[in-house]
């Protein structure tokens, strides 16, 4: 009887425990499945992260260097890498924006200025300013040695700006080594627009400052050609959306108003060209040698031009004076009604010698490929001669000096497709200008200063066009807040050794001014 009772109790205990055990087993199975699902998801995230990394640019490379300038050895750290741009809502990767930074060792981050440097185009990588003028390294080239087959030899740059400012060279999406990581046409369209470009690069600037602990540093923007336009656009984008203030702008051969530069029938466009024509004809070394040309361009020329094509006396006066200033055949100038455009000047200036000029630098010439044709097309002697060695030099710089493993990636020195697709905003290219936002920025911030550096022989963005535009700014405190310096040379005045030194000295004085 006792045995039967014990057996019954055991059965009851088992029956009572079985549902609980089954429930525990079920829960354990659920946990196991959940764990497996989380493991699977984690594996997918790891795989996606690896794929995302593989699609992008390599991790940042950090190297140490020294640069000897005037007997002083400057130790600095170079960083070559990329900053990733992502969709604000989905976090999906959109682009890796390549940069190279040079930071002087031992400097106080709170007081040491940092300059973000951009080239133009739009569609140009940062190599032009990086290996042409500003960085500790420079492509060995002069205006006399420009050639597509020039060996890409890199030398130390005695005129580097590094002694007085840290430098960050940025390649906008679609240029340099930067890499777009999406197939979205909408994203690309945004990157390839004046507004979207400024927004994207403002994020890049803020990310770099945050990553390097430089938010307290005095901040400057340096831009060449369209890069100057870009820098003014960046002022608002940085201030309004990224909480970053800028102390000053250094604009090199900038475009400030496309309407003026495209105005073939615009009297101010014709007037803006005349001093540069005269500079080339006279081999002028400075603006002092062009005082009469500037006075005529802004005075009697505009007065006679506005009298119109029916006023024969006005056209006669203009033709005689323009022929004198340009050195062109008076009969040709008279046939054109004194309306000489850059390409005509570049073709006709040395027509008797069978040579054509660069519109980027009127002192550089090459043979005319079709000297006996009524019209001729030619590769620009400066722009097209410099592209190949400059792009090759950037690849050498990355692989050999900065040790950034970019493999066989090609450096996009100038993206022509991007330039053709560029969206300038409402009003198109002819309506794009940054004089109005520059005026507003100067009025808002009494600390903001601007210096503009131009080459006298530049027919793409003539220095006198900028002078005419800057003269329209109101008095905004100290007149020295906005200054213009015209140097011997063309669109890239730093190809001239003495002008490269003058640019450095002017930038140093500008940044060190209290």
Protein backbone atom coordinates (compact mmCIF):
# COMPACT_ATOMS: atom_id res chain seq x y z
CA UNK A 1 0.00 0.00 0.00
CA UNK A 2 2.76 2.40 0.85
CA UNK A 3 4.51 1.58 -2.41
CA UNK A 4 1.33 2.23 -4.39
CA UNK A 5 0.82 5.58 -2.63
CA UNK A 6 4.42 6.62 -3.31
CA UNK A 7 4.08 5.68 -6.96
CA UNK A 8 0.84 7.63 -7.26
CA UNK A 9 2.44 10.68 -5.67
CA UNK A 10 5.35 10.46 -8.06
CA UNK A 11 2.99 10.26 -11.03
CA UNK A 12 1.06 13.29 -9.75
CA UNK A 13 4.29 15.22 -9.28
CA UNK A 14 5.45 14.36 -12.81
CA UNK A 15 2.10 15.34 -14.31
CA UNK A 16 2.21 18.64 -12.45
CA UNK A 17 5.78 19.34 -13.51
CA UNK A 18 5.44 18.31 -17.13
CA UNK A 19 3.49 21.38 -18.33
CA UNK A 20 5.95 23.69 -16.58
CA UNK A 21 8.89 21.86 -18.14
CA UNK A 22 7.22 21.98 -21.51
CA UNK A 23 6.62 25.71 -21.10
CA UNK A 24 10.24 26.20 -20.08
CA UNK A 25 11.36 24.21 -23.08
CA UNK A 26 9.15 26.27 -25.37
CA UNK A 27 10.48 29.50 -23.92
CA UNK A 28 14.01 28.23 -24.25
CA UNK A 29 13.35 27.38 -27.87
CA UNK A 30 11.95 30.87 -28.45
CA UNK A 31 15.03 32.38 -26.86
CA UNK A 32 17.23 30.18 -28.99
CA UNK A 33 15.35 31.26 -32.11
CA UNK A 34 15.57 34.91 -31.05
CA UNK A 35 19.28 34.52 -30.42
CA UNK A 36 19.73 32.91 -33.80
CA UNK A 37 17.73 35.71 -35.43
CA UNK A 38 19.82 38.36 -33.68
CA UNK A 39 22.98 36.53 -34.70
CA UNK A 40 21.73 36.44 -38.28
CA UNK A 41 20.84 40.13 -38.21
CA UNK A 42 24.20 40.93 -36.65
CA UNK A 43 25.88 38.95 -39.39
CA UNK A 44 23.91 40.83 -42.02
CA UNK A 45 24.87 44.17 -40.42
CA UNK A 46 28.51 43.07 -40.36
CA UNK A 47 28.30 42.00 -43.98
CA UNK A 48 26.57 45.24 -44.99
CA UNK A 49 29.17 47.23 -43.08
CA UNK A 50 31.96 45.33 -44.80
CA UNK A 51 30.33 45.84 -48.20
CA UNK A 52 29.82 49.53 -47.45
CA UNK A 53 33.46 49.88 -46.43
CA UNK A 54 34.61 47.99 -49.52
CA UNK A 55 32.65 50.34 -51.76
CA UNK A 56 34.15 53.42 -50.13
CA UNK A 57 37.62 54.88 -49.82
CA UNK A 58 40.43 53.46 -47.65
CA UNK A 59 40.85 54.33 -43.99
CA UNK A 60 42.72 57.51 -43.15
CA UNK A 61 46.52 57.43 -43.45
CA UNK A 62 48.62 59.55 -41.06
CA UNK A 63 52.25 60.43 -41.80
CA UNK A 64 54.87 62.72 -40.25
CA UNK A 65 57.06 65.14 -42.22
CA UNK A 66 59.35 68.15 -41.94
CA UNK A 67 59.61 71.13 -44.26
CA UNK A 68 62.60 73.50 -44.35
CA UNK A 69 61.71 77.13 -45.07
CA UNK A 70 64.29 79.90 -44.72
CA UNK A 71 66.41 77.70 -42.46
CA UNK A 72 63.48 76.85 -40.19
CA UNK A 73 62.41 73.20 -39.96
CA UNK A 74 58.66 72.82 -39.63
CA UNK A 75 57.38 69.49 -38.32
CA UNK A 76 53.87 68.63 -39.47
CA UNK A 77 51.37 65.81 -39.68
CA UNK A 78 49.65 64.93 -42.96
CA UNK A 79 46.34 63.09 -43.09
CA UNK A 80 44.87 61.61 -46.26
CA UNK A 81 41.42 60.14 -46.00
CA UNK A 82 37.72 60.66 -46.57
CA UNK A 83 34.68 61.86 -44.68
CA UNK A 84 31.45 60.01 -45.34
CA UNK A 85 28.22 61.77 -46.22
CA UNK A 86 24.99 59.94 -45.37
CA UNK A 87 21.29 60.43 -45.94
CA UNK A 88 19.93 62.42 -43.00
CA UNK A 89 16.92 60.11 -42.53
CA UNK A 90 18.05 56.63 -43.57
CA UNK A 91 21.79 56.90 -42.81
CA UNK A 92 22.43 55.32 -46.21
CA UNK A 93 25.93 56.20 -47.49
CA UNK A 94 25.97 58.81 -50.26
CA UNK A 95 29.61 59.76 -50.81
CA UNK A 96 33.12 59.55 -49.44
CA UNK A 97 34.63 63.03 -49.76
CA UNK A 98 38.42 62.84 -50.01
CA UNK A 99 40.62 65.29 -48.18
CA UNK A 100 44.27 65.93 -47.41
CA UNK A 101 45.17 67.95 -44.33
CA UNK A 102 48.49 69.37 -43.16
CA UNK A 103 48.76 70.39 -39.50
CA UNK A 104 51.79 71.94 -37.87
CA UNK A 105 52.94 70.00 -34.83
CA UNK A 106 52.93 71.57 -31.39
CA UNK A 107 50.52 74.41 -32.24
CA UNK A 108 47.72 75.55 -29.93
CA UNK A 109 44.48 74.33 -31.51
CA UNK A 110 42.51 77.19 -29.97
CA UNK A 111 44.57 79.88 -31.70
CA UNK A 112 46.08 78.13 -34.71
CA UNK A 113 44.05 79.04 -37.82
CA UNK A 114 42.85 76.39 -40.23
CA UNK A 115 41.97 76.99 -43.90
CA UNK A 116 39.67 74.80 -46.01
CA UNK A 117 40.76 74.93 -49.63
CA UNK A 118 38.61 74.39 -52.72
CA UNK A 119 39.23 74.59 -56.43
CA UNK A 120 36.59 75.47 -58.95
CA UNK A 121 35.30 74.31 -62.29
CA UNK A 122 32.81 73.32 -61.07
CA UNK A 123 34.31 69.86 -61.41
CA UNK A 124 37.93 70.56 -60.46
CA UNK A 125 39.78 68.61 -57.79
CA UNK A 126 41.91 70.34 -55.15
CA UNK A 127 45.23 69.45 -56.82
CA UNK A 128 45.55 72.82 -58.57
CA UNK A 129 45.98 74.78 -55.34
CA UNK A 130 47.45 71.90 -53.36
CA UNK A 131 50.34 71.06 -55.68
CA UNK A 132 50.46 74.43 -57.38
CA UNK A 133 50.79 76.86 -54.51
CA UNK A 134 49.72 76.21 -50.93
CA UNK A 135 50.72 72.80 -49.57
CA UNK A 136 54.16 71.69 -48.32
CA UNK A 137 54.58 69.86 -51.64
CA UNK A 138 54.53 71.26 -55.17
CA UNK A 139 54.65 69.93 -58.71
CA UNK A 140 57.89 71.16 -60.28
CA UNK A 141 56.54 73.35 -63.07
CA UNK A 142 56.71 76.90 -64.41
CA UNK A 143 54.81 78.66 -67.15
CA UNK A 144 57.78 78.01 -69.44
CA UNK A 145 57.84 74.25 -68.80
CA UNK A 146 54.09 73.55 -69.02
CA UNK A 147 53.55 70.39 -71.06
CA UNK A 148 51.17 67.40 -70.97
CA UNK A 149 54.25 65.13 -70.94
CA UNK A 150 55.93 66.98 -68.06
CA UNK A 151 57.28 64.41 -65.52
CA UNK A 152 55.18 64.54 -62.31
CA UNK A 153 58.09 65.42 -60.02
CA UNK A 154 57.11 66.62 -56.55
CA UNK A 155 59.37 68.99 -54.62
CA UNK A 156 59.20 70.74 -51.26
CA UNK A 157 57.31 74.02 -51.53
CA UNK A 158 59.23 76.93 -50.03
CA UNK A 159 56.15 79.16 -50.53
CA UNK A 160 53.78 76.88 -48.61
CA UNK A 161 51.22 78.57 -46.36
CA UNK A 162 51.75 75.93 -43.65
CA UNK A 163 54.04 78.13 -41.50
CA UNK A 164 51.05 80.32 -40.60
CA UNK A 165 47.91 78.21 -41.20
CA UNK A 166 46.89 74.55 -41.17
CA UNK A 167 45.51 73.45 -44.53
CA UNK A 168 42.67 71.10 -45.48
CA UNK A 169 42.25 70.39 -49.21
CA UNK A 170 38.85 69.01 -50.15
CA UNK A 171 37.70 67.25 -53.34
CA UNK A 172 33.93 67.78 -53.77
CA UNK A 173 31.87 64.74 -54.85
CA UNK A 174 32.65 63.83 -58.45
CA UNK A 175 36.21 65.23 -58.32
CA UNK A 176 39.65 64.08 -57.24
CA UNK A 177 39.56 60.76 -55.39
CA UNK A 178 36.11 61.41 -53.90
CA UNK A 179 33.64 58.60 -54.51
CA UNK A 180 29.86 58.72 -54.86
CA UNK A 181 28.41 55.65 -53.11
CA UNK A 182 24.85 55.70 -54.41
CA UNK A 183 23.14 55.13 -57.75
CA UNK A 184 20.45 57.65 -56.88
CA UNK A 185 20.11 60.25 -59.62
CA UNK A 186 18.44 62.60 -57.13
CA UNK A 187 21.46 62.49 -54.82
CA UNK A 188 23.87 63.10 -57.70
CA UNK A 189 21.73 65.94 -58.97
CA UNK A 190 21.85 67.50 -55.51
CA UNK A 191 25.64 67.15 -55.29
CA UNK A 192 25.97 68.71 -58.74
CA UNK A 193 24.20 71.93 -57.85
CA UNK A 194 25.33 75.20 -56.33
CA UNK A 195 23.09 74.82 -53.27
CA UNK A 196 23.61 71.10 -52.73
CA UNK A 197 27.36 71.45 -53.18
CA UNK A 198 27.52 74.10 -50.46
CA UNK A 199 25.34 72.05 -48.10
CA UNK A 200 27.42 68.88 -48.59
CA UNK A 201 30.77 70.60 -48.18
CA UNK A 202 29.56 72.45 -45.09
CA UNK A 203 28.92 69.04 -43.50
CA UNK A 204 32.42 67.92 -44.51
CA UNK A 205 33.99 71.00 -42.92
CA UNK A 206 32.02 70.53 -39.70
CA UNK A 207 32.90 66.82 -39.55
CA UNK A 208 36.60 67.54 -39.99
CA UNK A 209 36.59 70.23 -37.31
CA UNK A 210 34.76 67.97 -34.87
CA UNK A 211 36.96 64.96 -35.52
CA UNK A 212 40.16 66.96 -35.05
CA UNK A 213 38.96 68.99 -32.05
CA UNK A 214 39.31 72.27 -33.95
CA UNK A 215 35.92 73.92 -33.44
CA UNK A 216 37.59 76.75 -31.49
CA UNK A 217 40.24 77.44 -34.17
CA UNK A 218 39.97 80.56 -36.37
CA UNK A 219 38.50 79.27 -39.63
CA UNK A 220 39.14 80.48 -43.19
CA UNK A 221 37.93 79.45 -46.63
CA UNK A 222 40.22 79.57 -49.67
CA UNK A 223 38.78 79.14 -53.15
CA UNK A 224 39.96 79.49 -56.72
CA UNK A 225 37.75 80.40 -59.69
CA UNK A 226 34.34 78.73 -59.07
CA UNK A 227 35.88 77.81 -55.73
CA UNK A 228 35.59 81.50 -54.82
CA UNK A 229 31.88 81.40 -55.67
CA UNK A 230 31.66 78.18 -53.63
CA UNK A 231 33.32 79.78 -50.58
CA UNK A 232 30.77 82.58 -50.43
CA UNK A 233 27.95 80.03 -50.71
CA UNK A 234 29.56 78.05 -47.89
CA UNK A 235 29.42 81.02 -45.51
CA UNK A 236 25.65 80.77 -45.12
CA UNK A 237 25.55 76.96 -45.18
CA UNK A 238 28.15 76.74 -42.40
CA UNK A 239 26.57 79.41 -40.24
CA UNK A 240 22.91 78.44 -40.66
CA UNK A 241 23.09 74.64 -40.74
CA UNK A 242 26.38 73.57 -39.15
CA UNK A 243 26.91 76.27 -36.46
CA UNK A 244 30.35 77.12 -37.84
CA UNK A 245 31.52 80.72 -38.19
CA UNK A 246 34.20 81.81 -40.65
CA UNK A 247 36.77 84.54 -39.97
CA UNK A 248 37.77 85.30 -43.55
CA UNK A 249 37.82 84.41 -47.23
CA UNK A 250 40.84 84.22 -49.52
CA UNK A 251 39.51 84.24 -53.09
CA UNK A 252 41.88 83.49 -55.98
CA UNK A 253 40.72 84.48 -59.49
CA UNK A 254 37.12 84.16 -58.31
CA UNK A 255 33.84 84.23 -60.19
CA UNK A 256 31.52 86.51 -58.25
CA UNK A 257 28.87 87.19 -60.91
CA UNK A 258 28.39 84.84 -63.86
CA UNK A 259 26.02 87.31 -65.47
CA UNK A 260 28.84 89.81 -65.88
CA UNK A 261 31.30 87.21 -67.21
CA UNK A 262 28.77 85.87 -69.71
CA UNK A 263 27.51 89.24 -70.85
CA UNK A 264 28.87 89.37 -74.40
CA UNK A 265 26.78 92.48 -75.00
CA UNK A 266 27.25 93.80 -71.48
CA UNK A 267 29.26 97.06 -71.46
CA UNK A 268 30.85 96.16 -68.13
CA UNK A 269 32.05 92.80 -69.50
CA UNK A 270 33.73 94.58 -72.43
CA UNK A 271 35.16 97.14 -70.01
CA UNK A 272 36.37 94.45 -67.61
CA UNK A 273 38.49 92.81 -70.31
CA UNK A 274 40.34 95.89 -71.51
CA UNK A 275 42.91 96.24 -68.68
CA UNK A 276 43.87 92.54 -69.02
CA UNK A 277 44.23 92.92 -72.80
CA UNK A 278 46.48 95.90 -72.13
CA UNK A 279 48.46 94.00 -69.48
CA UNK A 280 49.27 91.27 -72.01
CA UNK A 281 50.10 93.74 -74.77
CA UNK A 282 52.40 95.72 -72.47
CA UNK A 283 53.79 92.82 -70.44
CA UNK A 284 52.70 94.81 -67.39
CA UNK A 285 54.04 93.78 -63.98
CA UNK A 286 51.43 95.53 -61.82
CA UNK A 287 48.26 97.60 -61.84
CA UNK A 288 50.20 100.86 -61.73
CA UNK A 289 51.23 100.24 -65.34
CA UNK A 290 47.55 99.93 -66.28
CA UNK A 291 46.11 103.02 -64.62
CA UNK A 292 45.22 104.65 -67.96
CA UNK A 293 43.59 101.44 -69.25
CA UNK A 294 41.47 101.13 -66.11
CA UNK A 295 40.43 104.79 -66.26
CA UNK A 296 39.43 104.50 -69.92
CA UNK A 297 37.60 101.19 -69.39
CA UNK A 298 35.46 102.57 -66.55
CA UNK A 299 34.97 105.98 -68.17
CA UNK A 300 35.02 106.97 -71.83
CA UNK A 301 34.72 103.39 -73.11
CA UNK A 302 31.43 102.76 -71.27
CA UNK A 303 30.12 106.19 -72.25
CA UNK A 304 30.78 105.58 -75.94
CA UNK A 305 29.60 101.95 -75.80
CA UNK A 306 26.23 103.03 -74.42
CA UNK A 307 25.74 105.34 -77.40
CA UNK A 308 25.11 102.23 -79.43
CA UNK A 309 26.16 100.77 -82.75
CA UNK A 310 24.53 103.53 -84.80
CA UNK A 311 26.85 106.21 -83.46
CA UNK A 312 29.74 106.05 -85.95
CA UNK A 313 31.79 108.68 -84.12
CA UNK A 314 31.62 106.75 -80.85
CA UNK A 315 32.61 103.50 -82.57
CA UNK A 316 35.51 105.25 -84.27
CA UNK A 317 36.78 106.65 -80.98
CA UNK A 318 36.45 103.27 -79.25
CA UNK A 319 38.11 101.39 -82.09
CA UNK A 320 41.15 103.62 -82.11
CA UNK A 321 41.64 103.42 -78.36
CA UNK A 322 40.95 99.67 -78.09
CA UNK A 323 43.42 98.98 -80.91
CA UNK A 324 46.01 101.00 -79.03
CA UNK A 325 45.41 99.15 -75.75
CA UNK A 326 45.28 95.64 -77.23
CA UNK A 327 47.99 95.96 -79.87
CA UNK A 328 45.63 94.37 -82.40
CA UNK A 329 45.30 95.42 -86.05
CA UNK A 330 43.23 98.67 -86.07
CA UNK A 331 41.31 97.47 -89.13
CA UNK A 332 40.27 94.28 -87.30
CA UNK A 333 39.18 96.23 -84.22
CA UNK A 334 37.19 98.63 -86.39
CA UNK A 335 35.43 95.71 -88.14
CA UNK A 336 34.46 94.40 -84.69
CA UNK A 337 33.18 97.79 -83.57
CA UNK A 338 35.76 97.73 -80.75
CA UNK A 339 34.00 94.66 -79.29
CA UNK A 340 36.95 92.30 -78.84
CA UNK A 341 36.26 88.97 -77.10
CA UNK A 342 38.89 86.80 -75.36
CA UNK A 343 39.07 84.14 -78.06
CA UNK A 344 39.53 86.68 -80.84
CA UNK A 345 42.29 88.39 -78.86
CA UNK A 346 43.96 85.03 -78.13
CA UNK A 347 43.89 84.07 -81.84
CA UNK A 348 44.83 87.41 -83.36
CA UNK A 349 47.46 88.68 -80.92
CA UNK A 350 50.23 86.47 -82.43
CA UNK A 351 48.47 85.51 -85.67
CA UNK A 352 51.45 86.59 -87.76
CA UNK A 353 53.64 84.12 -85.85
CA UNK A 354 51.19 81.23 -86.21
CA UNK A 355 50.63 81.04 -82.45
CA UNK A 356 47.62 81.25 -80.16
CA UNK A 357 47.39 82.44 -76.55
CA UNK A 358 45.91 80.83 -73.48
CA UNK A 359 42.81 82.61 -72.24
CA UNK A 360 43.88 81.46 -68.76
CA UNK A 361 47.22 83.24 -69.09
CA UNK A 362 47.77 85.55 -72.04
CA UNK A 363 51.55 85.36 -71.74
CA UNK A 364 51.55 81.63 -72.58
CA UNK A 365 51.24 80.63 -76.24
CA UNK A 366 51.40 77.52 -78.43
CA UNK A 367 51.28 76.83 -82.16
CA UNK A 368 47.96 77.35 -83.92
CA UNK A 369 46.85 73.92 -85.22
CA UNK A 370 45.10 75.54 -88.21
CA UNK A 371 46.98 78.81 -88.85
CA UNK A 372 45.46 79.54 -92.27
CA UNK A 373 41.82 78.87 -91.38
CA UNK A 374 39.44 81.78 -90.84
CA UNK A 375 38.62 80.30 -87.42
CA UNK A 376 40.51 77.90 -85.18
CA UNK A 377 39.94 75.71 -82.15
CA UNK A 378 42.81 74.72 -79.90
CA UNK A 379 43.50 73.08 -76.58
CA UNK A 380 44.22 75.79 -74.06
CA UNK A 381 48.02 76.02 -73.58
CA UNK A 382 47.72 76.33 -69.78
CA UNK A 383 44.67 74.31 -68.77
CA UNK A 384 45.29 71.35 -71.05
CA UNK A 385 49.06 71.31 -70.60
CA UNK A 386 48.82 71.07 -66.82
CA UNK A 387 46.06 68.51 -66.32
CA UNK A 388 47.97 65.27 -66.98
CA UNK A 389 51.11 65.93 -64.91
CA UNK A 390 49.06 67.42 -62.09
CA UNK A 391 46.76 64.40 -61.89
CA UNK A 392 49.72 62.02 -62.00
CA UNK A 393 51.48 64.01 -59.29
CA UNK A 394 48.45 63.68 -57.01
CA UNK A 395 48.55 59.90 -57.39
CA UNK A 396 52.27 59.89 -56.57
CA UNK A 397 51.67 62.14 -53.57
CA UNK A 398 49.05 59.80 -52.14
CA UNK A 399 50.92 56.57 -52.70
CA UNK A 400 54.51 57.59 -52.05
CA UNK A 401 54.48 60.46 -49.56
CA UNK A 402 51.15 60.23 -47.76
CA UNK A 403 50.88 56.42 -47.99
CA UNK A 404 47.14 56.39 -48.62
CA UNK A 405 46.45 53.04 -50.37
CA UNK A 406 44.19 54.23 -53.18
CA UNK A 407 45.42 51.43 -55.47
CA UNK A 408 44.78 52.13 -59.13
CA UNK A 409 42.10 54.77 -58.48
CA UNK A 410 42.27 57.62 -60.99
CA UNK A 411 42.42 61.19 -59.77
CA UNK A 412 39.74 63.25 -61.53
CA UNK A 413 41.54 66.51 -62.06
CA UNK A 414 38.64 68.12 -63.98
CA UNK A 415 35.23 66.50 -64.46
CA UNK A 416 33.82 68.02 -67.64
CA UNK A 417 30.60 65.99 -67.46
CA UNK A 418 29.90 67.34 -63.99
CA UNK A 419 30.54 70.89 -65.20
CA UNK A 420 28.03 70.47 -68.03
CA UNK A 421 25.40 69.05 -65.66
CA UNK A 422 25.86 71.69 -62.96
CA UNK A 423 22.69 73.33 -61.68
CA UNK A 424 23.35 76.97 -60.86
CA UNK A 425 19.90 77.48 -59.42
CA UNK A 426 17.08 79.85 -60.32
CA UNK A 427 18.07 81.95 -63.33
CA UNK A 428 20.66 79.44 -64.52
CA UNK A 429 24.33 80.21 -64.98
CA UNK A 430 23.72 83.74 -66.24
CA UNK A 431 21.76 84.55 -63.08
CA UNK A 432 24.26 83.10 -60.61
CA UNK A 433 26.06 85.62 -58.42
CA UNK A 434 27.37 85.81 -54.86
CA UNK A 435 27.85 89.55 -54.54
CA UNK A 436 24.50 89.88 -52.76
CA UNK A 437 25.21 87.14 -50.17
CA UNK A 438 28.74 88.50 -49.71
CA UNK A 439 27.30 91.94 -49.03
CA UNK A 440 24.91 90.42 -46.49
CA UNK A 441 27.64 88.41 -44.76
CA UNK A 442 29.91 91.45 -44.43
CA UNK A 443 27.05 93.52 -43.03
CA UNK A 444 26.10 90.80 -40.52
CA UNK A 445 29.58 89.96 -39.23
CA UNK A 446 31.94 92.90 -38.59
CA UNK A 447 34.78 90.39 -37.97
CA UNK A 448 34.57 88.86 -41.46
CA UNK A 449 37.32 89.94 -43.89
CA UNK A 450 38.00 89.17 -47.56
CA UNK A 451 41.09 89.32 -49.76
CA UNK A 452 40.95 88.71 -53.50
CA UNK A 453 44.04 87.70 -55.48
CA UNK A 454 44.07 87.93 -59.28
CA UNK A 455 46.45 87.51 -62.19
CA UNK A 456 46.76 90.45 -64.59
CA UNK A 457 46.78 88.25 -67.71
CA UNK A 458 43.63 86.26 -66.93
CA UNK A 459 40.94 86.51 -69.64
CA UNK A 460 38.60 83.98 -67.96
CA UNK A 461 37.97 85.91 -64.75
CA UNK A 462 39.62 89.30 -65.42
CA UNK A 463 40.72 91.17 -62.33
CA UNK A 464 38.97 94.36 -63.38
CA UNK A 465 35.60 92.58 -63.38
CA UNK A 466 36.10 91.85 -59.69
CA UNK A 467 37.18 95.41 -59.03
CA UNK A 468 34.03 96.78 -60.68
CA UNK A 469 31.87 94.43 -58.57
CA UNK A 470 33.64 95.13 -55.28
CA UNK A 471 33.34 98.86 -55.90
CA UNK A 472 29.55 98.43 -55.66
CA UNK A 473 29.73 97.24 -52.05
CA UNK A 474 28.65 99.88 -49.53
CA UNK A 475 30.94 101.21 -46.84
CA UNK A 476 30.89 98.48 -44.20
CA UNK A 477 33.23 99.81 -41.57
CA UNK A 478 36.97 99.51 -42.12
CA UNK A 479 37.64 99.79 -45.89
CA UNK A 480 40.49 97.32 -45.46
CA UNK A 481 38.03 94.51 -44.72
CA UNK A 482 37.80 93.82 -48.47
CA UNK A 483 40.96 94.13 -50.56
CA UNK A 484 42.12 93.24 -54.07
CA UNK A 485 45.66 92.41 -55.18
CA UNK A 486 46.50 91.87 -58.86
CA UNK A 487 49.74 90.03 -59.62
CA UNK A 488 51.81 89.14 -62.62
CA UNK A 489 50.39 85.94 -64.12
CA UNK A 490 47.10 84.49 -65.24
CA UNK A 491 44.17 82.57 -63.79
CA UNK A 492 46.71 80.55 -61.78
CA UNK A 493 49.09 83.38 -60.86
CA UNK A 494 51.10 81.00 -58.68
CA UNK A 495 52.68 79.51 -61.82
CA UNK A 496 54.85 82.62 -61.68
CA UNK A 497 57.49 82.18 -58.94
CA UNK A 498 57.42 85.76 -57.71
CA UNK A 499 53.62 85.85 -57.72
CA UNK A 500 53.47 82.63 -55.70
CA UNK A 501 55.66 84.30 -53.09
CA UNK A 502 53.53 87.45 -53.20
CA UNK A 503 50.37 85.37 -52.71
CA UNK A 504 51.91 83.69 -49.66
CA UNK A 505 52.99 87.02 -48.16
CA UNK A 506 49.58 88.60 -48.78
CA UNK A 507 47.77 85.63 -47.23
CA UNK A 508 50.08 85.67 -44.21
CA UNK A 509 49.50 89.38 -43.60
CA UNK A 510 45.75 88.84 -44.03
CA UNK A 511 45.55 85.95 -41.55
CA UNK A 512 47.86 87.54 -38.99
CA UNK A 513 46.07 90.89 -39.01
CA UNK A 514 44.47 91.53 -35.58
